[in-house]
N, C-alpha and C. Protein backbone atom coordinates (compact mmCIF):
# COMPACT_ATOMS: atom_id res chain seq x y z
N MET A 1 -0.19 -7.60 -25.77
CA MET A 1 -1.25 -6.62 -25.82
C MET A 1 -2.41 -7.19 -26.62
N LYS A 2 -3.55 -6.63 -26.37
CA LYS A 2 -4.73 -7.03 -27.10
C LYS A 2 -4.67 -6.48 -28.52
N LYS A 3 -5.41 -7.16 -29.38
CA LYS A 3 -5.51 -6.66 -30.75
C LYS A 3 -6.28 -5.35 -30.75
N ARG A 4 -6.00 -4.55 -31.69
CA ARG A 4 -6.66 -3.26 -31.83
C ARG A 4 -8.13 -3.48 -32.22
N THR A 5 -9.01 -2.76 -31.55
CA THR A 5 -10.43 -2.83 -31.89
C THR A 5 -10.89 -1.48 -32.38
N ASN A 6 -12.01 -1.47 -33.07
CA ASN A 6 -12.52 -0.22 -33.62
C ASN A 6 -13.33 0.58 -32.60
N GLU A 7 -13.69 -0.04 -31.48
CA GLU A 7 -14.49 0.69 -30.50
C GLU A 7 -13.61 1.64 -29.70
N ASN A 8 -14.20 2.71 -29.25
CA ASN A 8 -13.48 3.69 -28.46
C ASN A 8 -13.42 3.24 -27.01
N GLN A 9 -12.26 3.43 -26.40
CA GLN A 9 -12.08 3.11 -25.00
C GLN A 9 -11.53 4.33 -24.29
N SER A 10 -11.93 4.46 -23.03
CA SER A 10 -11.38 5.57 -22.26
C SER A 10 -9.94 5.26 -21.87
N LEU A 11 -9.21 6.29 -21.52
CA LEU A 11 -7.81 6.12 -21.13
C LEU A 11 -7.69 5.23 -19.90
N SER A 12 -8.60 5.37 -18.95
CA SER A 12 -8.55 4.55 -17.74
C SER A 12 -8.74 3.07 -18.07
N GLU A 13 -9.62 2.76 -19.02
CA GLU A 13 -9.81 1.36 -19.42
C GLU A 13 -8.57 0.80 -20.09
N VAL A 14 -7.94 1.60 -20.92
CA VAL A 14 -6.72 1.16 -21.60
C VAL A 14 -5.61 0.91 -20.59
N LEU A 15 -5.44 1.83 -19.64
CA LEU A 15 -4.40 1.66 -18.62
C LEU A 15 -4.68 0.44 -17.74
N LYS A 16 -5.94 0.24 -17.37
CA LYS A 16 -6.31 -0.93 -16.56
C LYS A 16 -6.00 -2.22 -17.31
N ASP A 17 -6.33 -2.27 -18.60
CA ASP A 17 -6.01 -3.44 -19.42
C ASP A 17 -4.51 -3.67 -19.49
N PHE A 18 -3.74 -2.59 -19.63
CA PHE A 18 -2.28 -2.69 -19.69
C PHE A 18 -1.71 -3.23 -18.38
N VAL A 19 -2.19 -2.72 -17.26
CA VAL A 19 -1.72 -3.18 -15.94
C VAL A 19 -2.09 -4.65 -15.74
N ASP A 20 -3.31 -5.02 -16.08
CA ASP A 20 -3.75 -6.41 -15.92
C ASP A 20 -2.96 -7.35 -16.83
N HIS A 21 -2.78 -6.96 -18.06
CA HIS A 21 -2.10 -7.81 -19.03
C HIS A 21 -0.64 -8.05 -18.65
N ASN A 22 0.02 -7.04 -18.13
CA ASN A 22 1.44 -7.13 -17.77
C ASN A 22 1.68 -7.48 -16.31
N LYS A 23 0.62 -7.79 -15.57
CA LYS A 23 0.71 -8.20 -14.16
C LYS A 23 1.51 -7.20 -13.32
N LEU A 24 1.13 -5.93 -13.41
CA LEU A 24 1.82 -4.86 -12.70
C LEU A 24 1.13 -4.45 -11.41
N GLN A 25 -0.04 -5.02 -11.12
CA GLN A 25 -0.84 -4.56 -9.99
C GLN A 25 -0.12 -4.73 -8.65
N SER A 26 0.60 -5.84 -8.47
CA SER A 26 1.27 -6.04 -7.17
C SER A 26 2.35 -4.99 -6.94
N GLY A 27 3.08 -4.61 -7.98
CA GLY A 27 4.09 -3.56 -7.84
C GLY A 27 3.47 -2.21 -7.55
N LEU A 28 2.35 -1.92 -8.20
CA LEU A 28 1.65 -0.66 -7.95
C LEU A 28 1.10 -0.63 -6.52
N ASP A 29 0.63 -1.78 -6.03
CA ASP A 29 0.12 -1.85 -4.66
C ASP A 29 1.22 -1.56 -3.65
N LYS A 30 2.42 -2.06 -3.91
CA LYS A 30 3.55 -1.83 -2.99
C LYS A 30 3.88 -0.34 -2.91
N VAL A 31 3.86 0.33 -4.03
CA VAL A 31 4.13 1.77 -4.05
C VAL A 31 3.01 2.53 -3.36
N SER A 32 1.78 2.13 -3.61
CA SER A 32 0.62 2.79 -3.01
C SER A 32 0.64 2.68 -1.49
N VAL A 33 1.00 1.51 -0.98
CA VAL A 33 1.04 1.30 0.47
C VAL A 33 2.05 2.25 1.11
N LYS A 34 3.20 2.40 0.50
CA LYS A 34 4.22 3.31 1.05
C LYS A 34 3.71 4.74 1.09
N GLU A 35 3.08 5.17 -0.01
CA GLU A 35 2.56 6.53 -0.07
C GLU A 35 1.47 6.76 0.96
N VAL A 36 0.56 5.80 1.09
CA VAL A 36 -0.55 5.93 2.04
C VAL A 36 -0.02 5.92 3.48
N TRP A 37 0.95 5.06 3.78
CA TRP A 37 1.53 5.02 5.13
C TRP A 37 2.10 6.40 5.49
N ASN A 38 2.91 6.95 4.61
CA ASN A 38 3.54 8.24 4.90
C ASN A 38 2.52 9.37 5.02
N ARG A 39 1.50 9.34 4.19
CA ARG A 39 0.49 10.40 4.22
C ARG A 39 -0.40 10.29 5.45
N GLU A 40 -0.86 9.10 5.76
CA GLU A 40 -1.83 8.92 6.85
C GLU A 40 -1.18 8.94 8.23
N MET A 41 0.03 8.46 8.35
CA MET A 41 0.67 8.41 9.66
C MET A 41 1.30 9.75 10.03
N GLY A 42 1.55 10.58 9.05
CA GLY A 42 2.05 11.92 9.34
C GLY A 42 3.57 12.02 9.36
N PRO A 43 4.06 13.24 9.36
CA PRO A 43 5.52 13.46 9.29
C PRO A 43 6.27 13.00 10.53
N ALA A 44 5.62 13.02 11.69
CA ALA A 44 6.31 12.60 12.92
C ALA A 44 6.67 11.11 12.86
N ILE A 45 5.74 10.29 12.42
CA ILE A 45 5.99 8.85 12.33
C ILE A 45 6.84 8.54 11.10
N GLN A 46 6.63 9.29 10.03
CA GLN A 46 7.41 9.09 8.81
C GLN A 46 8.91 9.29 9.09
N LYS A 47 9.23 10.20 9.99
CA LYS A 47 10.62 10.48 10.32
C LYS A 47 11.31 9.26 10.94
N TYR A 48 10.55 8.45 11.68
CA TYR A 48 11.11 7.27 12.34
C TYR A 48 10.93 5.98 11.53
N THR A 49 10.27 6.07 10.39
CA THR A 49 10.07 4.90 9.54
C THR A 49 11.27 4.74 8.62
N THR A 50 11.95 3.60 8.73
CA THR A 50 13.14 3.38 7.92
C THR A 50 12.88 2.48 6.71
N ALA A 51 11.89 1.59 6.79
CA ALA A 51 11.59 0.71 5.66
C ALA A 51 10.14 0.26 5.73
N ILE A 52 9.52 0.15 4.55
CA ILE A 52 8.16 -0.35 4.44
C ILE A 52 8.16 -1.39 3.33
N LYS A 53 7.63 -2.58 3.64
CA LYS A 53 7.63 -3.65 2.65
C LYS A 53 6.30 -4.40 2.72
N LEU A 54 5.65 -4.53 1.58
CA LEU A 54 4.42 -5.30 1.48
C LEU A 54 4.75 -6.64 0.87
N GLN A 55 4.48 -7.69 1.63
CA GLN A 55 4.75 -9.05 1.15
C GLN A 55 3.48 -9.86 1.32
N ASN A 56 2.91 -10.30 0.20
CA ASN A 56 1.60 -10.96 0.17
C ASN A 56 0.58 -10.02 0.79
N ASP A 57 0.01 -10.38 1.93
CA ASP A 57 -0.98 -9.50 2.58
C ASP A 57 -0.46 -8.97 3.91
N THR A 58 0.85 -9.03 4.12
CA THR A 58 1.48 -8.56 5.36
C THR A 58 2.32 -7.33 5.08
N LEU A 59 2.12 -6.30 5.88
CA LEU A 59 2.90 -5.07 5.76
C LEU A 59 3.96 -5.06 6.86
N PHE A 60 5.22 -5.02 6.45
CA PHE A 60 6.34 -4.95 7.38
C PHE A 60 6.82 -3.50 7.44
N VAL A 61 6.83 -2.94 8.63
CA VAL A 61 7.28 -1.56 8.81
C VAL A 61 8.42 -1.56 9.81
N GLN A 62 9.56 -1.04 9.38
CA GLN A 62 10.72 -0.96 10.26
C GLN A 62 10.80 0.45 10.82
N LEU A 63 10.87 0.53 12.16
CA LEU A 63 10.91 1.82 12.85
C LEU A 63 12.21 1.95 13.61
N SER A 64 12.74 3.15 13.67
CA SER A 64 14.00 3.38 14.38
C SER A 64 13.79 3.68 15.86
N SER A 65 12.54 3.83 16.28
CA SER A 65 12.24 4.13 17.68
C SER A 65 11.48 2.98 18.31
N SER A 66 12.06 2.38 19.34
CA SER A 66 11.38 1.27 20.03
C SER A 66 10.16 1.76 20.79
N VAL A 67 10.19 2.98 21.28
CA VAL A 67 9.04 3.54 22.00
C VAL A 67 7.87 3.73 21.05
N LEU A 68 8.13 4.26 19.88
CA LEU A 68 7.09 4.44 18.87
C LEU A 68 6.55 3.10 18.41
N ARG A 69 7.42 2.12 18.25
CA ARG A 69 7.00 0.78 17.84
C ARG A 69 6.02 0.20 18.85
N GLU A 70 6.31 0.39 20.12
CA GLU A 70 5.42 -0.11 21.18
C GLU A 70 4.09 0.62 21.17
N GLU A 71 4.12 1.93 21.00
CA GLU A 71 2.88 2.72 20.94
C GLU A 71 2.00 2.29 19.77
N LEU A 72 2.60 2.13 18.60
CA LEU A 72 1.84 1.76 17.42
C LEU A 72 1.30 0.33 17.50
N SER A 73 1.99 -0.52 18.24
CA SER A 73 1.53 -1.91 18.34
C SER A 73 0.17 -2.02 19.03
N TYR A 74 -0.18 -1.05 19.85
CA TYR A 74 -1.48 -1.07 20.53
C TYR A 74 -2.63 -0.77 19.56
N GLY A 75 -2.33 -0.11 18.45
CA GLY A 75 -3.39 0.27 17.52
C GLY A 75 -3.26 -0.38 16.15
N LYS A 76 -2.71 -1.59 16.10
CA LYS A 76 -2.48 -2.26 14.82
C LYS A 76 -3.76 -2.42 14.00
N GLU A 77 -4.83 -2.88 14.64
CA GLU A 77 -6.08 -3.10 13.91
C GLU A 77 -6.63 -1.80 13.32
N LYS A 78 -6.55 -0.73 14.09
CA LYS A 78 -7.02 0.57 13.61
C LYS A 78 -6.18 1.05 12.43
N ILE A 79 -4.87 0.84 12.51
CA ILE A 79 -3.97 1.24 11.42
C ILE A 79 -4.27 0.45 10.16
N ILE A 80 -4.49 -0.86 10.30
CA ILE A 80 -4.81 -1.71 9.15
C ILE A 80 -6.10 -1.24 8.48
N LYS A 81 -7.12 -0.97 9.29
CA LYS A 81 -8.40 -0.51 8.74
C LYS A 81 -8.23 0.83 8.00
N MET A 82 -7.47 1.73 8.60
CA MET A 82 -7.25 3.05 8.00
C MET A 82 -6.51 2.93 6.67
N LEU A 83 -5.47 2.10 6.63
CA LEU A 83 -4.71 1.92 5.40
C LEU A 83 -5.57 1.31 4.30
N ASN A 84 -6.32 0.27 4.64
CA ASN A 84 -7.18 -0.39 3.65
C ASN A 84 -8.26 0.54 3.13
N LYS A 85 -8.79 1.38 4.01
CA LYS A 85 -9.82 2.34 3.59
C LYS A 85 -9.23 3.32 2.58
N GLU A 86 -8.04 3.82 2.85
CA GLU A 86 -7.40 4.77 1.95
C GLU A 86 -6.98 4.11 0.63
N LEU A 87 -6.60 2.84 0.69
CA LEU A 87 -6.21 2.12 -0.53
C LEU A 87 -7.43 1.73 -1.36
N GLY A 88 -8.58 1.64 -0.73
CA GLY A 88 -9.80 1.29 -1.44
C GLY A 88 -10.00 -0.20 -1.61
N LYS A 89 -9.18 -1.00 -0.95
CA LYS A 89 -9.34 -2.46 -1.00
C LYS A 89 -8.63 -3.08 0.20
N ASP A 90 -9.01 -4.32 0.52
CA ASP A 90 -8.39 -5.02 1.66
C ASP A 90 -7.07 -5.62 1.22
N LEU A 91 -6.05 -4.81 1.22
CA LEU A 91 -4.73 -5.21 0.77
C LEU A 91 -3.88 -5.70 1.94
N VAL A 92 -4.00 -5.04 3.09
CA VAL A 92 -3.20 -5.37 4.26
C VAL A 92 -4.05 -6.15 5.25
N LYS A 93 -3.61 -7.36 5.57
CA LYS A 93 -4.32 -8.18 6.55
C LYS A 93 -3.58 -8.23 7.89
N LYS A 94 -2.26 -8.06 7.82
CA LYS A 94 -1.43 -8.16 9.02
C LYS A 94 -0.37 -7.07 8.99
N LEU A 95 -0.08 -6.50 10.15
CA LEU A 95 0.92 -5.45 10.28
C LEU A 95 2.01 -5.93 11.23
N VAL A 96 3.25 -5.92 10.75
CA VAL A 96 4.39 -6.33 11.57
C VAL A 96 5.28 -5.11 11.75
N LEU A 97 5.47 -4.71 13.00
CA LEU A 97 6.33 -3.57 13.31
C LEU A 97 7.66 -4.11 13.81
N ARG A 98 8.74 -3.65 13.20
CA ARG A 98 10.08 -4.12 13.58
C ARG A 98 10.88 -2.98 14.14
């Protein structure tokens, strides 16, 4: 941790420093991607989603329905743009549906 300073810092600045110092951002990004996928894709697709894994800049999504997997494969670019917009940064570059 950084040494204590006399200047006042907001809570968000302190938390950001803590996350940066402890290299927690990648873990937080993995959790955020799962939450955004479930929220943006809706309960119908969430029901068929069995696993979500973010590895580097690739999002791996395992689906239990081959028909749904085929349907979603047609809109991969749109899904990537939507997820990145909701995350607020270009975190996902490639989407792999299994």
